[in-house]
Amino acid sequence: MKKEKAVVVFSGGQDSSTCLFWSLRRFQEVIAVTFDYNQRHKTEIECAKKITSELGIKHHILDMDLLNQLAPNALTRNDIDVKDGVDGELPSTFVPGRNLLFLSFAGILASQVGAKHIVTGVCETDFSGYPDCRDIFIKSLNVTLNLSMDEGFVIHTPLMWLNKAETWKLADDLGSFDFVREKTLTCYNGIIADGCGECPACKLRKRGLEDYLSTRK
């Protein structure tokens, strides 16, 4: 695979940054794509720009503002609180159709730049119950993208069966532990690195980090 090209769906967060380093080990050329859907914290996009610039990776930012109009949620509205789902409901941070649209547009970009590989940091192990992070969805969409564009894309999900502690270990194995810990943005309140420590994303990241550090040699 080293001679091939990959498009990485990139938010500047822990998971997508780990996938970025994973891709740099496997592909000759890596292109990052970030989606601007008028999310609450523009820091996310600035963080993604800074990381790709530092790593010397070509970076595309695509306007997806329509998603904001169609799917108001806690990531796009200041008047909607960030909270976990209760009684089987999805968290307020779920954006309906987000990964469907992101991966579809990543596929279109991949087709234009001659890439056969698409990499995304979705995970079914430590996740918030989002239906578009499930393995079955990714496999289904992979088939659909290939049929829709007559391509032979492969969607890679390096984190699909990893918990957060194992994701930290992967970053460490890739030699990017400190980079991911200090320069990525996971926090729903827009605070880089260890974040606010209070939002659901920070709690998940922190718990995974503590679990990993307790076993790190």
C-alpha atoms as a PDB file:
ATOM      1  CA  MET A   1       0.000   0.000   0.000  1.00  0.00           C
ATOM      2  CA  LYS A   2       2.932   2.327   0.537  1.00  0.00           C
ATOM      3  CA  LYS A   3       2.845   3.525  -3.095  1.00  0.00           C
ATOM      4  CA  GLU A   4      -0.835   4.394  -3.000  1.00  0.00           C
ATOM      5  CA  LYS A   5      -2.755   7.534  -2.063  1.00  0.00           C
ATOM      6  CA  ALA A   6      -5.247   8.062   0.765  1.00  0.00           C
ATOM      7  CA  VAL A   7      -7.784  10.687   1.773  1.00  0.00           C
ATOM      8  CA  VAL A   8      -8.200  11.046   5.543  1.00  0.00           C
ATOM      9  CA  VAL A   9     -11.374  12.532   7.000  1.00  0.00           C
ATOM     10  CA  PHE A  10      -9.758  14.924   9.448  1.00  0.00           C
ATOM     11  CA  SER A  11     -11.235  17.004  12.273  1.00  0.00           C
ATOM     12  CA  GLY A  12      -8.061  17.754  14.211  1.00  0.00           C
ATOM     13  CA  GLY A  13      -9.217  15.556  17.090  1.00  0.00           C
ATOM     14  CA  GLN A  14      -7.549  12.631  18.832  1.00  0.00           C
ATOM     15  CA  ASP A  15      -9.079   9.920  16.678  1.00  0.00           C
ATOM     16  CA  SER A  16      -8.631  11.498  13.267  1.00  0.00           C
ATOM     17  CA  SER A  17      -5.098  12.612  14.133  1.00  0.00           C
ATOM     18  CA  THR A  18      -4.198   9.067  15.134  1.00  0.00           C
ATOM     19  CA  CYS A  19      -5.641   7.912  11.818  1.00  0.00           C
ATOM     20  CA  LEU A  20      -3.556  10.552  10.050  1.00  0.00           C
ATOM     21  CA  PHE A  21      -0.346   9.162  11.553  1.00  0.00           C
ATOM     22  CA  TRP A  22      -1.546   5.623  10.805  1.00  0.00           C
ATOM     23  CA  SER A  23      -2.034   6.620   7.159  1.00  0.00           C
ATOM     24  CA  LEU A  24       1.377   8.288   6.884  1.00  0.00           C
ATOM     25  CA  ARG A  25       2.924   4.928   7.732  1.00  0.00           C
ATOM     26  CA  ARG A  26       0.997   3.111   5.018  1.00  0.00           C
ATOM     27  CA  PHE A  27       0.548   5.352   2.013  1.00  0.00           C
ATOM     28  CA  GLN A  28       2.879   7.262  -0.241  1.00  0.00           C
ATOM     29  CA  GLU A  29       0.644  10.313  -0.295  1.00  0.00           C
ATOM     30  CA  VAL A  30      -1.879  11.404   2.316  1.00  0.00           C
ATOM     31  CA  ILE A  31      -4.466  14.118   1.770  1.00  0.00           C
ATOM     32  CA  ALA A  32      -6.612  15.447   4.618  1.00  0.00           C
ATOM     33  CA  VAL A  33     -10.158  16.724   4.214  1.00  0.00           C
ATOM     34  CA  THR A  34     -11.966  18.774   6.864  1.00  0.00           C
ATOM     35  CA  PHE A  35     -15.625  19.749   6.723  1.00  0.00           C
ATOM     36  CA  ASP A  36     -16.865  23.167   7.750  1.00  0.00           C
ATOM     37  CA  TYR A  37     -20.499  22.723   8.772  1.00  0.00           C
ATOM     38  CA  ASN A  38     -20.567  25.916  10.815  1.00  0.00           C
ATOM     39  CA  GLN A  39     -19.737  23.970  13.940  1.00  0.00           C
ATOM     40  CA  ARG A  40     -19.871  25.791  17.244  1.00  0.00           C
ATOM     41  CA  HIS A  41     -16.107  25.992  17.650  1.00  0.00           C
ATOM     42  CA  LYS A  42     -14.137  27.231  14.648  1.00  0.00           C
ATOM     43  CA  THR A  43     -11.092  26.275  16.724  1.00  0.00           C
ATOM     44  CA  GLU A  44     -11.651  22.768  15.353  1.00  0.00           C
ATOM     45  CA  ILE A  45     -10.904  23.891  11.809  1.00  0.00           C
ATOM     46  CA  GLU A  46      -7.981  26.063  12.876  1.00  0.00           C
ATOM     47  CA  CYS A  47      -6.541  23.121  14.801  1.00  0.00           C
ATOM     48  CA  ALA A  48      -6.862  20.884  11.746  1.00  0.00           C
ATOM     49  CA  LYS A  49      -5.150  23.518   9.582  1.00  0.00           C
ATOM     50  CA  LYS A  50      -2.305  23.893  12.043  1.00  0.00           C
ATOM     51  CA  ILE A  51      -1.688  20.142  12.310  1.00  0.00           C
ATOM     52  CA  THR A  52      -1.697  19.517   8.564  1.00  0.00           C
ATOM     53  CA  SER A  53       0.579  22.518   8.022  1.00  0.00           C
ATOM     54  CA  GLU A  54       3.038  21.243  10.616  1.00  0.00           C
ATOM     55  CA  LEU A  55       3.050  17.775   9.064  1.00  0.00           C
ATOM     56  CA  GLY A  56       3.246  19.097   5.489  1.00  0.00           C
ATOM     57  CA  ILE A  57       0.011  17.421   4.403  1.00  0.00           C
ATOM     58  CA  LYS A  58      -2.198  18.773   1.631  1.00  0.00           C
ATOM     59  CA  HIS A  59      -5.437  19.896   3.266  1.00  0.00           C
ATOM     60  CA  HIS A  60      -8.860  20.514   1.776  1.00  0.00           C
ATOM     61  CA  ILE A  61     -11.615  22.309   3.695  1.00  0.00           C
ATOM     62  CA  LEU A  62     -15.078  21.757   2.241  1.00  0.00           C
ATOM     63  CA  ASP A  63     -18.141  23.896   2.947  1.00  0.00           C
ATOM     64  CA  MET A  64     -20.943  21.751   4.413  1.00  0.00           C
ATOM     65  CA  ASP A  65     -23.075  24.535   5.873  1.00  0.00           C
ATOM     66  CA  LEU A  66     -26.252  22.888   4.584  1.00  0.00           C
ATOM     67  CA  LEU A  67     -25.763  20.189   7.232  1.00  0.00           C
ATOM     68  CA  ASN A  68     -25.985  22.880   9.908  1.00  0.00           C
ATOM     69  CA  GLN A  69     -29.285  24.102   8.483  1.00  0.00           C
ATOM     70  CA  LEU A  70     -30.838  20.655   8.266  1.00  0.00           C
ATOM     71  CA  ALA A  71     -29.601  19.124  11.513  1.00  0.00           C
ATOM     72  CA  PRO A  72     -29.440  21.572  14.425  1.00  0.00           C
ATOM     73  CA  ASN A  73     -27.606  19.988  17.358  1.00  0.00           C
ATOM     74  CA  ALA A  74     -25.328  20.767  20.292  1.00  0.00           C
ATOM     75  CA  LEU A  75     -22.253  20.954  18.044  1.00  0.00           C
ATOM     76  CA  THR A  76     -23.749  23.717  15.938  1.00  0.00           C
ATOM     77  CA  ARG A  77     -26.049  25.617  18.311  1.00  0.00           C
ATOM     78  CA  ASN A  78     -25.041  27.535  21.432  1.00  0.00           C
ATOM     79  CA  ASP A  79     -28.591  27.228  22.787  1.00  0.00           C
ATOM     80  CA  ILE A  80     -28.506  23.399  22.804  1.00  0.00           C
ATOM     81  CA  ASP A  81     -26.722  21.842  25.764  1.00  0.00           C
ATOM     82  CA  VAL A  82     -24.109  19.125  25.286  1.00  0.00           C
ATOM     83  CA  LYS A  83     -25.468  16.066  27.077  1.00  0.00           C
ATOM     84  CA  ASP A  84     -25.466  12.297  26.871  1.00  0.00           C
ATOM     85  CA  GLY A  85     -28.501  10.435  25.648  1.00  0.00           C
ATOM     86  CA  VAL A  86     -30.866   8.974  28.240  1.00  0.00           C
ATOM     87  CA  ASP A  87     -33.333   6.077  28.004  1.00  0.00           C
ATOM     88  CA  GLY A  88     -31.956   4.961  24.662  1.00  0.00           C
ATOM     89  CA  GLU A  89     -31.929   8.413  23.075  1.00  0.00           C
ATOM     90  CA  LEU A  90     -28.941   9.634  21.109  1.00  0.00           C
ATOM     91  CA  PRO A  91     -26.690  12.331  22.637  1.00  0.00           C
ATOM     92  CA  SER A  92     -27.443  15.951  21.760  1.00  0.00           C
ATOM     93  CA  THR A  93     -24.123  15.975  19.860  1.00  0.00           C
ATOM     94  CA  PHE A  94     -25.354  13.506  17.225  1.00  0.00           C
ATOM     95  CA  VAL A  95     -25.493  15.124  13.776  1.00  0.00           C
ATOM     96  CA  PRO A  96     -27.851  13.088  11.552  1.00  0.00           C
ATOM     97  CA  GLY A  97     -26.233  12.104   8.272  1.00  0.00           C
ATOM     98  CA  ARG A  98     -22.847  13.609   9.114  1.00  0.00           C
ATOM     99  CA  ASN A  99     -20.639  10.603   8.395  1.00  0.00           C
ATOM    100  CA  LEU A 100     -22.801   9.643   5.431  1.00  0.00           C
ATOM    101  CA  LEU A 101     -22.176  13.046   3.870  1.00  0.00           C
ATOM    102  CA  PHE A 102     -18.562  13.380   4.991  1.00  0.00           C
ATOM    103  CA  LEU A 103     -17.536  10.005   3.595  1.00  0.00           C
ATOM    104  CA  SER A 104     -19.515  10.541   0.392  1.00  0.00           C
ATOM    105  CA  PHE A 105     -17.748  13.843  -0.247  1.00  0.00           C
ATOM    106  CA  ALA A 106     -14.438  12.299   0.769  1.00  0.00           C
ATOM    107  CA  GLY A 107     -15.129   9.692  -1.908  1.00  0.00           C
ATOM    108  CA  ILE A 108     -15.788  12.373  -4.502  1.00  0.00           C
ATOM    109  CA  LEU A 109     -12.534  14.099  -3.544  1.00  0.00           C
ATOM    110  CA  ALA A 110     -10.689  10.774  -3.642  1.00  0.00           C
ATOM    111  CA  SER A 111     -12.013  10.166  -7.136  1.00  0.00           C
ATOM    112  CA  GLN A 112     -10.774  13.577  -8.269  1.00  0.00           C
ATOM    113  CA  VAL A 113      -7.267  13.163  -6.835  1.00  0.00           C
ATOM    114  CA  GLY A 114      -6.830   9.524  -7.842  1.00  0.00           C
ATOM    115  CA  ALA A 115      -6.954   8.030  -4.341  1.00  0.00           C
ATOM    116  CA  LYS A 116      -8.364   4.568  -3.747  1.00  0.00           C
ATOM    117  CA  HIS A 117      -8.192   4.670   0.041  1.00  0.00           C
ATOM    118  CA  ILE A 118     -10.409   6.633   2.444  1.00  0.00           C
ATOM    119  CA  VAL A 119      -9.551   6.668   6.146  1.00  0.00           C
ATOM    120  CA  THR A 120     -11.894   7.633   8.969  1.00  0.00           C
ATOM    121  CA  GLY A 121     -11.652   7.472  12.758  1.00  0.00           C
ATOM    122  CA  VAL A 122     -15.091   6.071  13.518  1.00  0.00           C
ATOM    123  CA  CYS A 123     -15.286   3.506  16.299  1.00  0.00           C
ATOM    124  CA  GLU A 124     -17.918   1.057  17.521  1.00  0.00           C
ATOM    125  CA  THR A 125     -16.186   0.181  20.797  1.00  0.00           C
ATOM    126  CA  ASP A 126     -15.886   3.408  22.798  1.00  0.00           C
ATOM    127  CA  PHE A 127     -18.504   5.611  21.180  1.00  0.00           C
ATOM    128  CA  SER A 128     -21.665   7.513  22.033  1.00  0.00           C
ATOM    129  CA  GLY A 129     -24.110   5.252  20.256  1.00  0.00           C
ATOM    130  CA  TYR A 130     -23.966   7.116  16.947  1.00  0.00           C
ATOM    131  CA  PRO A 131     -25.423   4.785  14.279  1.00  0.00           C
ATOM    132  CA  ASP A 132     -23.078   6.172  11.609  1.00  0.00           C
ATOM    133  CA  CYS A 133     -20.006   4.982  13.542  1.00  0.00           C
ATOM    134  CA  ARG A 134     -20.933   1.315  13.239  1.00  0.00           C
ATOM    135  CA  ASP A 135     -18.962  -1.170  11.175  1.00  0.00           C
ATOM    136  CA  ILE A 136     -22.066  -2.299   9.314  1.00  0.00           C
ATOM    137  CA  PHE A 137     -22.702   1.259   8.132  1.00  0.00           C
ATOM    138  CA  ILE A 138     -19.123   1.690   6.896  1.00  0.00           C
ATOM    139  CA  LYS A 139     -19.212  -1.609   4.986  1.00  0.00           C
ATOM    140  CA  SER A 140     -22.556  -0.698   3.434  1.00  0.00           C
ATOM    141  CA  LEU A 141     -21.379   2.765   2.420  1.00  0.00           C
ATOM    142  CA  ASN A 142     -18.161   1.364   0.978  1.00  0.00           C
ATOM    143  CA  VAL A 143     -20.236  -0.766  -1.399  1.00  0.00           C
ATOM    144  CA  THR A 144     -22.543   2.156  -2.212  1.00  0.00           C
ATOM    145  CA  LEU A 145     -19.672   4.548  -2.987  1.00  0.00           C
ATOM    146  CA  ASN A 146     -18.069   2.029  -5.299  1.00  0.00           C
ATOM    147  CA  LEU A 147     -21.327   1.386  -7.119  1.00  0.00           C
ATOM    148  CA  SER A 148     -22.217   5.074  -7.361  1.00  0.00           C
ATOM    149  CA  MET A 149     -18.874   6.111  -8.886  1.00  0.00           C
ATOM    150  CA  ASP A 150     -17.714   2.838 -10.423  1.00  0.00           C
ATOM    151  CA  GLU A 151     -14.619   2.973  -8.234  1.00  0.00           C
ATOM    152  CA  GLY A 152     -12.690   0.507  -6.111  1.00  0.00           C
ATOM    153  CA  PHE A 153     -12.456   2.492  -2.900  1.00  0.00           C
ATOM    154  CA  VAL A 154     -11.466   0.883   0.369  1.00  0.00           C
ATOM    155  CA  ILE A 155     -12.684   2.652   3.514  1.00  0.00           C
ATOM    156  CA  HIS A 156     -10.258   2.016   6.366  1.00  0.00           C
ATOM    157  CA  THR A 157     -11.351   2.287  10.011  1.00  0.00           C
ATOM    158  CA  PRO A 158      -8.198   1.700  12.100  1.00  0.00           C
ATOM    159  CA  LEU A 159     -10.003   2.463  15.361  1.00  0.00           C
ATOM    160  CA  MET A 160     -13.215   0.519  14.775  1.00  0.00           C
ATOM    161  CA  TRP A 161     -12.604  -2.174  17.404  1.00  0.00           C
ATOM    162  CA  LEU A 162     -10.320  -0.222  19.750  1.00  0.00           C
ATOM    163  CA  ASN A 163     -11.355   1.329  23.045  1.00  0.00           C
ATOM    164  CA  LYS A 164      -9.942   4.729  23.977  1.00  0.00           C
ATOM    165  CA  ALA A 165      -7.032   3.246  25.928  1.00  0.00           C
ATOM    166  CA  GLU A 166      -6.103   1.157  22.897  1.00  0.00           C
ATOM    167  CA  THR A 167      -6.382   4.242  20.682  1.00  0.00           C
ATOM    168  CA  TRP A 168      -3.843   5.995  22.914  1.00  0.00           C
ATOM    169  CA  LYS A 169      -1.608   2.929  22.646  1.00  0.00           C
ATOM    170  CA  LEU A 170      -1.851   3.037  18.854  1.00  0.00           C
ATOM    171  CA  ALA A 171      -0.779   6.693  18.859  1.00  0.00           C
ATOM    172  CA  ASP A 172       2.144   5.716  21.086  1.00  0.00           C
ATOM    173  CA  ASP A 173       3.107   2.818  18.822  1.00  0.00           C
ATOM    174  CA  LEU A 174       3.077   5.255  15.897  1.00  0.00           C
ATOM    175  CA  GLY A 175       5.442   7.604  17.754  1.00  0.00           C
ATOM    176  CA  SER A 176       2.820  10.332  17.971  1.00  0.00           C
ATOM    177  CA  PHE A 177       1.596  10.076  21.574  1.00  0.00           C
ATOM    178  CA  ASP A 178       2.827  13.492  22.714  1.00  0.00           C
ATOM    179  CA  PHE A 179       1.706  15.157  19.491  1.00  0.00           C
ATOM    180  CA  VAL A 180      -1.821  13.748  19.795  1.00  0.00           C
ATOM    181  CA  ARG A 181      -2.046  14.576  23.482  1.00  0.00           C
ATOM    182  CA  GLU A 182      -0.809  18.157  23.197  1.00  0.00           C
ATOM    183  CA  LYS A 183      -2.003  19.373  19.797  1.00  0.00           C
ATOM    184  CA  THR A 184      -5.395  17.825  19.078  1.00  0.00           C
ATOM    185  CA  LEU A 185      -8.881  19.092  19.868  1.00  0.00           C
ATOM    186  CA  THR A 186     -11.474  16.650  21.206  1.00  0.00           C
ATOM    187  CA  CYS A 187     -13.267  18.944  23.649  1.00  0.00           C
ATOM    188  CA  TYR A 188     -16.847  19.999  22.869  1.00  0.00           C
ATOM    189  CA  ASN A 189     -16.012  23.330  24.518  1.00  0.00           C
ATOM    190  CA  GLY A 190     -13.184  24.034  22.078  1.00  0.00           C
ATOM    191  CA  ILE A 191     -10.182  23.621  24.405  1.00  0.00           C
ATOM    192  CA  ILE A 192      -7.120  22.001  22.815  1.00  0.00           C
ATOM    193  CA  ALA A 193      -5.129  19.169  24.449  1.00  0.00           C
ATOM    194  CA  ASP A 194      -6.625  17.888  27.715  1.00  0.00           C
ATOM    195  CA  GLY A 195      -9.721  20.039  27.174  1.00  0.00           C
ATOM    196  CA  CYS A 196     -12.266  21.177  29.737  1.00  0.00           C
ATOM    197  CA  GLY A 197     -12.368  17.819  31.482  1.00  0.00           C
ATOM    198  CA  GLU A 198     -16.146  18.051  31.922  1.00  0.00           C
ATOM    199  CA  CYS A 199     -17.839  17.444  28.560  1.00  0.00           C
ATOM    200  CA  PRO A 200     -18.589  13.848  27.432  1.00  0.00           C
ATOM    201  CA  ALA A 201     -15.768  13.880  24.863  1.00  0.00           C
ATOM    202  CA  CYS A 202     -13.197  15.020  27.425  1.00  0.00           C
ATOM    203  CA  LYS A 203     -14.331  12.454  29.982  1.00  0.00           C
ATOM    204  CA  LEU A 204     -14.003   9.646  27.444  1.00  0.00           C
ATOM    205  CA  ARG A 205     -10.598  10.849  26.294  1.00  0.00           C
ATOM    206  CA  LYS A 206      -9.350  11.300  29.873  1.00  0.00           C
ATOM    207  CA  ARG A 207     -10.595   7.905  31.036  1.00  0.00           C
ATOM    208  CA  GLY A 208      -8.896   6.205  28.106  1.00  0.00           C
ATOM    209  CA  LEU A 209      -5.667   8.101  28.728  1.00  0.00           C
ATOM    210  CA  GLU A 210      -5.615   7.170  32.393  1.00  0.00           C
ATOM    211  CA  ASP A 211      -6.333   3.528  31.588  1.00  0.00           C
ATOM    212  CA  TYR A 212      -3.508   3.452  29.070  1.00  0.00           C
ATOM    213  CA  LEU A 213      -0.990   5.256  31.266  1.00  0.00           C
ATOM    214  CA  SER A 214      -1.684   2.796  34.075  1.00  0.00           C
ATOM    215  CA  THR A 215      -0.356  -0.011  31.867  1.00  0.00           C
ATOM    216  CA  ARG A 216       2.263   1.902  29.848  1.00  0.00           C
ATOM    217  CA  LYS A 217       5.781   0.566  30.251  1.00  0.00           C
END
